[in-house]
């Protein structure tokens, strides 16, 4: 069948066959491979974005935990905070609760500020220990002010040492 064709015709036929095979191979494998490579690159970018966002989320969670330690835990009822202040205070033996002021509420810059005031009575070392433990371990509220007061009882001729501790919680107004 190919014996009566000239070399020129055979060369054109082989060239045409090579072009047809090239287009077929391009359509069947090269094009699919190129699309798979592009899709793989996009998925790799998305995976890097997800991994970066996970580290951002953990950084944000660490930052939120830091803020909770600084300004107090969010989402706790004010009465529960006041009760936990009293419960925490009763753990100490040499300190007596002299008084507790009424809660004070105020709003500023999109935050609701809840203030509790506690007055304790005892010796200096015990009061300092209580303040230190409140600062270190109490997580529902933070201490914003501490003031010592010495009061002399004229009947017993003894000095009473009292400390007034002011706690504040901040909650974001929705």
C-alpha atoms as a PDB file:
ATOM      1  CA  UNK A   1       0.000   0.000   0.000  1.00  0.00           C
ATOM      2  CA  UNK A   2       2.825   2.392   0.841  1.00  0.00           C
ATOM      3  CA  UNK A   3       5.009   1.133  -1.993  1.00  0.00           C
ATOM      4  CA  UNK A   4       3.631   3.502  -4.644  1.00  0.00           C
ATOM      5  CA  UNK A   5       4.111   6.623  -2.454  1.00  0.00           C
ATOM      6  CA  UNK A   6       7.147   8.803  -2.798  1.00  0.00           C
ATOM      7  CA  UNK A   7       9.458   9.608   0.053  1.00  0.00           C
ATOM      8  CA  UNK A   8       8.118  13.146   0.114  1.00  0.00           C
ATOM      9  CA  UNK A   9       4.544  11.890   0.516  1.00  0.00           C
ATOM     10  CA  UNK A  10       5.656   9.407   3.174  1.00  0.00           C
ATOM     11  CA  UNK A  11       7.453  12.213   5.042  1.00  0.00           C
ATOM     12  CA  UNK A  12       4.335  14.431   4.901  1.00  0.00           C
ATOM     13  CA  UNK A  13       2.193  11.490   6.108  1.00  0.00           C
ATOM     14  CA  UNK A  14       4.574  10.761   8.990  1.00  0.00           C
ATOM     15  CA  UNK A  15       4.643  14.503   9.848  1.00  0.00           C
ATOM     16  CA  UNK A  16       0.841  14.643   9.765  1.00  0.00           C
ATOM     17  CA  UNK A  17       0.675  11.500  11.905  1.00  0.00           C
ATOM     18  CA  UNK A  18       3.176  13.060  14.356  1.00  0.00           C
ATOM     19  CA  UNK A  19       1.065  16.243  14.586  1.00  0.00           C
ATOM     20  CA  UNK A  20      -2.106  14.174  15.178  1.00  0.00           C
ATOM     21  CA  UNK A  21      -0.319  12.098  17.844  1.00  0.00           C
ATOM     22  CA  UNK A  22       0.991  15.298  19.482  1.00  0.00           C
ATOM     23  CA  UNK A  23      -2.517  16.827  19.703  1.00  0.00           C
ATOM     24  CA  UNK A  24      -3.961  13.549  20.987  1.00  0.00           C
ATOM     25  CA  UNK A  25      -1.207  13.186  23.595  1.00  0.00           C
ATOM     26  CA  UNK A  26      -1.639  16.846  24.585  1.00  0.00           C
ATOM     27  CA  UNK A  27      -5.379  16.411  25.003  1.00  0.00           C
ATOM     28  CA  UNK A  28      -5.138  13.077  26.833  1.00  0.00           C
ATOM     29  CA  UNK A  29      -2.153  13.518  29.145  1.00  0.00           C
ATOM     30  CA  UNK A  30      -0.207  16.790  28.982  1.00  0.00           C
ATOM     31  CA  UNK A  31      -3.280  18.982  29.465  1.00  0.00           C
ATOM     32  CA  UNK A  32      -4.551  16.809  32.350  1.00  0.00           C
ATOM     33  CA  UNK A  33      -1.114  16.819  33.963  1.00  0.00           C
ATOM     34  CA  UNK A  34      -0.888  20.603  33.693  1.00  0.00           C
ATOM     35  CA  UNK A  35      -4.353  21.008  35.269  1.00  0.00           C
ATOM     36  CA  UNK A  36      -3.418  18.588  38.064  1.00  0.00           C
ATOM     37  CA  UNK A  37      -0.205  20.551  38.717  1.00  0.00           C
ATOM     38  CA  UNK A  38      -2.137  23.855  38.900  1.00  0.00           C
ATOM     39  CA  UNK A  39      -4.751  22.307  41.199  1.00  0.00           C
ATOM     40  CA  UNK A  40      -1.996  20.841  43.385  1.00  0.00           C
ATOM     41  CA  UNK A  41      -0.357  24.272  43.663  1.00  0.00           C
ATOM     42  CA  UNK A  42      -3.667  25.874  44.681  1.00  0.00           C
ATOM     43  CA  UNK A  43      -4.325  23.181  47.288  1.00  0.00           C
ATOM     44  CA  UNK A  44      -0.823  23.603  48.662  1.00  0.00           C
ATOM     45  CA  UNK A  45      -1.421  27.375  49.019  1.00  0.00           C
ATOM     46  CA  UNK A  46      -4.713  26.680  50.829  1.00  0.00           C
ATOM     47  CA  UNK A  47      -2.981  24.191  53.136  1.00  0.00           C
ATOM     48  CA  UNK A  48      -0.300  26.753  53.993  1.00  0.00           C
ATOM     49  CA  UNK A  49      -3.025  29.331  54.659  1.00  0.00           C
ATOM     50  CA  UNK A  50      -4.872  26.897  56.958  1.00  0.00           C
ATOM     51  CA  UNK A  51      -1.679  26.041  58.842  1.00  0.00           C
ATOM     52  CA  UNK A  52      -0.889  29.740  59.260  1.00  0.00           C
ATOM     53  CA  UNK A  53      -4.429  30.464  60.429  1.00  0.00           C
ATOM     54  CA  UNK A  54      -4.193  27.644  62.999  1.00  0.00           C
ATOM     55  CA  UNK A  55      -1.069  29.234  64.453  1.00  0.00           C
ATOM     56  CA  UNK A  56      -2.844  32.610  64.371  1.00  0.00           C
ATOM     57  CA  UNK A  57      -5.783  31.091  66.254  1.00  0.00           C
ATOM     58  CA  UNK A  58      -3.471  29.664  68.913  1.00  0.00           C
ATOM     59  CA  UNK A  59      -1.692  33.030  69.171  1.00  0.00           C
ATOM     60  CA  UNK A  60      -5.053  34.764  69.576  1.00  0.00           C
ATOM     61  CA  UNK A  61      -6.105  32.206  72.212  1.00  0.00           C
ATOM     62  CA  UNK A  62      -2.872  32.827  74.143  1.00  0.00           C
ATOM     63  CA  UNK A  63      -3.473  36.564  73.910  1.00  0.00           C
ATOM     64  CA  UNK A  64      -7.078  36.133  75.096  1.00  0.00           C
ATOM     65  CA  UNK A  65      -5.870  34.049  78.054  1.00  0.00           C
ATOM     66  CA  UNK A  66      -3.396  36.805  78.915  1.00  0.00           C
ATOM     67  CA  UNK A  67      -6.154  39.433  78.822  1.00  0.00           C
ATOM     68  CA  UNK A  68      -8.377  37.212  80.969  1.00  0.00           C
ATOM     69  CA  UNK A  69      -5.602  37.009  83.549  1.00  0.00           C
ATOM     70  CA  UNK A  70      -5.179  40.780  83.449  1.00  0.00           C
ATOM     71  CA  UNK A  71      -8.816  41.950  83.503  1.00  0.00           C
ATOM     72  CA  UNK A  72     -10.649  38.891  84.819  1.00  0.00           C
ATOM     73  CA  UNK A  73     -12.624  36.102  83.242  1.00  0.00           C
ATOM     74  CA  UNK A  74     -15.472  37.100  80.894  1.00  0.00           C
ATOM     75  CA  UNK A  75     -19.036  35.827  81.124  1.00  0.00           C
ATOM     76  CA  UNK A  76     -19.274  35.352  84.903  1.00  0.00           C
ATOM     77  CA  UNK A  77     -22.231  36.800  86.789  1.00  0.00           C
ATOM     78  CA  UNK A  78     -21.290  39.710  89.115  1.00  0.00           C
ATOM     79  CA  UNK A  79     -22.894  37.976  92.092  1.00  0.00           C
ATOM     80  CA  UNK A  80     -20.781  34.880  91.424  1.00  0.00           C
ATOM     81  CA  UNK A  81     -17.628  37.015  91.362  1.00  0.00           C
ATOM     82  CA  UNK A  82     -18.555  38.625  94.671  1.00  0.00           C
ATOM     83  CA  UNK A  83     -19.273  35.228  96.214  1.00  0.00           C
ATOM     84  CA  UNK A  84     -15.999  33.788  94.892  1.00  0.00           C
ATOM     85  CA  UNK A  85     -14.123  36.749  96.448  1.00  0.00           C
ATOM     86  CA  UNK A  86     -15.667  35.894  99.819  1.00  0.00           C
ATOM     87  CA  UNK A  87     -15.033  32.172  99.370  1.00  0.00           C
ATOM     88  CA  UNK A  88     -11.395  32.803  98.495  1.00  0.00           C
ATOM     89  CA  UNK A  89     -10.982  35.045 101.535  1.00  0.00           C
ATOM     90  CA  UNK A  90     -12.337  32.426 103.946  1.00  0.00           C
ATOM     91  CA  UNK A  91      -9.397  30.134 103.124  1.00  0.00           C
ATOM     92  CA  UNK A  92      -7.123  32.330 105.264  1.00  0.00           C
ATOM     93  CA  UNK A  93      -7.126  31.888 109.050  1.00  0.00           C
ATOM     94  CA  UNK A  94      -5.593  35.096 110.461  1.00  0.00           C
ATOM     95  CA  UNK A  95      -7.736  37.453 108.381  1.00  0.00           C
ATOM     96  CA  UNK A  96     -11.304  38.543 109.096  1.00  0.00           C
ATOM     97  CA  UNK A  97     -13.750  40.096 106.662  1.00  0.00           C
ATOM     98  CA  UNK A  98     -14.582  43.493 108.119  1.00  0.00           C
ATOM     99  CA  UNK A  99     -16.931  44.565 105.390  1.00  0.00           C
ATOM    100  CA  UNK A 100     -17.890  44.357 101.751  1.00  0.00           C
ATOM    101  CA  UNK A 101     -19.251  47.307  99.843  1.00  0.00           C
ATOM    102  CA  UNK A 102     -22.099  47.056  97.391  1.00  0.00           C
ATOM    103  CA  UNK A 103     -21.176  46.272  93.776  1.00  0.00           C
ATOM    104  CA  UNK A 104     -20.697  49.263  91.516  1.00  0.00           C
ATOM    105  CA  UNK A 105     -21.532  49.127  87.796  1.00  0.00           C
ATOM    106  CA  UNK A 106     -20.354  51.554  85.137  1.00  0.00           C
ATOM    107  CA  UNK A 107     -19.878  51.619  81.367  1.00  0.00           C
ATOM    108  CA  UNK A 108     -16.966  53.015  79.403  1.00  0.00           C
ATOM    109  CA  UNK A 109     -15.685  52.583  75.834  1.00  0.00           C
ATOM    110  CA  UNK A 110     -17.920  49.610  75.056  1.00  0.00           C
ATOM    111  CA  UNK A 111     -17.128  47.783  78.310  1.00  0.00           C
ATOM    112  CA  UNK A 112     -19.209  47.199  81.397  1.00  0.00           C
ATOM    113  CA  UNK A 113     -17.048  47.644  84.511  1.00  0.00           C
ATOM    114  CA  UNK A 114     -18.063  45.803  87.679  1.00  0.00           C
ATOM    115  CA  UNK A 115     -16.319  46.935  90.874  1.00  0.00           C
ATOM    116  CA  UNK A 116     -16.249  45.032  94.182  1.00  0.00           C
ATOM    117  CA  UNK A 117     -14.720  46.410  97.381  1.00  0.00           C
ATOM    118  CA  UNK A 118     -13.584  44.170 100.223  1.00  0.00           C
ATOM    119  CA  UNK A 119     -12.311  45.326 103.617  1.00  0.00           C
ATOM    120  CA  UNK A 120     -10.190  42.842 105.574  1.00  0.00           C
ATOM    121  CA  UNK A 121      -8.809  43.072 109.084  1.00  0.00           C
ATOM    122  CA  UNK A 122      -5.746  41.338 110.517  1.00  0.00           C
ATOM    123  CA  UNK A 123      -2.020  41.657 111.033  1.00  0.00           C
ATOM    124  CA  UNK A 124       0.245  43.053 108.340  1.00  0.00           C
ATOM    125  CA  UNK A 125       1.863  39.779 107.236  1.00  0.00           C
ATOM    126  CA  UNK A 126      -1.486  37.991 106.929  1.00  0.00           C
ATOM    127  CA  UNK A 127      -3.007  40.838 104.925  1.00  0.00           C
ATOM    128  CA  UNK A 128      -0.021  40.969 102.583  1.00  0.00           C
ATOM    129  CA  UNK A 129      -0.264  37.205 102.115  1.00  0.00           C
ATOM    130  CA  UNK A 130      -3.973  37.472 101.211  1.00  0.00           C
ATOM    131  CA  UNK A 131      -3.289  40.264  98.715  1.00  0.00           C
ATOM    132  CA  UNK A 132      -0.456  38.272  97.163  1.00  0.00           C
ATOM    133  CA  UNK A 133      -2.630  35.157  96.825  1.00  0.00           C
ATOM    134  CA  UNK A 134      -5.466  37.193  95.308  1.00  0.00           C
ATOM    135  CA  UNK A 135      -3.053  38.651  92.778  1.00  0.00           C
ATOM    136  CA  UNK A 136      -1.477  35.307  91.981  1.00  0.00           C
ATOM    137  CA  UNK A 137      -4.341  32.790  92.054  1.00  0.00           C
ATOM    138  CA  UNK A 138      -7.670  34.601  91.829  1.00  0.00           C
ATOM    139  CA  UNK A 139      -8.806  34.564  88.217  1.00  0.00           C
ATOM    140  CA  UNK A 140     -12.364  35.926  88.285  1.00  0.00           C
ATOM    141  CA  UNK A 141     -11.363  39.525  88.878  1.00  0.00           C
ATOM    142  CA  UNK A 142      -8.263  41.670  89.126  1.00  0.00           C
ATOM    143  CA  UNK A 143      -7.078  43.942  91.902  1.00  0.00           C
ATOM    144  CA  UNK A 144      -6.968  47.598  90.889  1.00  0.00           C
ATOM    145  CA  UNK A 145      -6.386  49.242  94.263  1.00  0.00           C
ATOM    146  CA  UNK A 146      -5.112  48.342  97.718  1.00  0.00           C
ATOM    147  CA  UNK A 147      -5.112  50.770 100.640  1.00  0.00           C
ATOM    148  CA  UNK A 148      -4.174  50.160 104.256  1.00  0.00           C
ATOM    149  CA  UNK A 149      -5.882  51.910 107.152  1.00  0.00           C
ATOM    150  CA  UNK A 150      -4.819  51.904 110.771  1.00  0.00           C
ATOM    151  CA  UNK A 151      -7.489  52.543 113.348  1.00  0.00           C
ATOM    152  CA  UNK A 152      -6.884  52.881 117.054  1.00  0.00           C
ATOM    153  CA  UNK A 153      -9.413  51.428 119.473  1.00  0.00           C
ATOM    154  CA  UNK A 154      -9.400  53.615 122.547  1.00  0.00           C
ATOM    155  CA  UNK A 155     -11.112  51.086 124.831  1.00  0.00           C
ATOM    156  CA  UNK A 156      -8.582  48.291 124.281  1.00  0.00           C
ATOM    157  CA  UNK A 157      -5.701  50.623 123.355  1.00  0.00           C
ATOM    158  CA  UNK A 158      -4.830  48.447 120.370  1.00  0.00           C
ATOM    159  CA  UNK A 159      -4.324  49.351 116.751  1.00  0.00           C
ATOM    160  CA  UNK A 160      -6.422  47.587 114.119  1.00  0.00           C
ATOM    161  CA  UNK A 161      -4.993  47.248 110.643  1.00  0.00           C
ATOM    162  CA  UNK A 162      -7.431  47.073 107.767  1.00  0.00           C
ATOM    163  CA  UNK A 163      -6.919  46.787 104.054  1.00  0.00           C
ATOM    164  CA  UNK A 164      -9.403  47.900 101.422  1.00  0.00           C
ATOM    165  CA  UNK A 165      -9.076  45.896  98.196  1.00  0.00           C
ATOM    166  CA  UNK A 166     -10.887  47.018  95.071  1.00  0.00           C
ATOM    167  CA  UNK A 167     -11.525  44.398  92.388  1.00  0.00           C
ATOM    168  CA  UNK A 168     -12.748  45.082  88.864  1.00  0.00           C
ATOM    169  CA  UNK A 169     -14.170  42.947  86.082  1.00  0.00           C
ATOM    170  CA  UNK A 170     -14.551  44.104  82.511  1.00  0.00           C
ATOM    171  CA  UNK A 171     -17.137  42.697  80.147  1.00  0.00           C
ATOM    172  CA  UNK A 172     -17.668  43.681  76.549  1.00  0.00           C
ATOM    173  CA  UNK A 173     -21.074  45.154  75.833  1.00  0.00           C
ATOM    174  CA  UNK A 174     -22.703  43.349  72.911  1.00  0.00           C
END
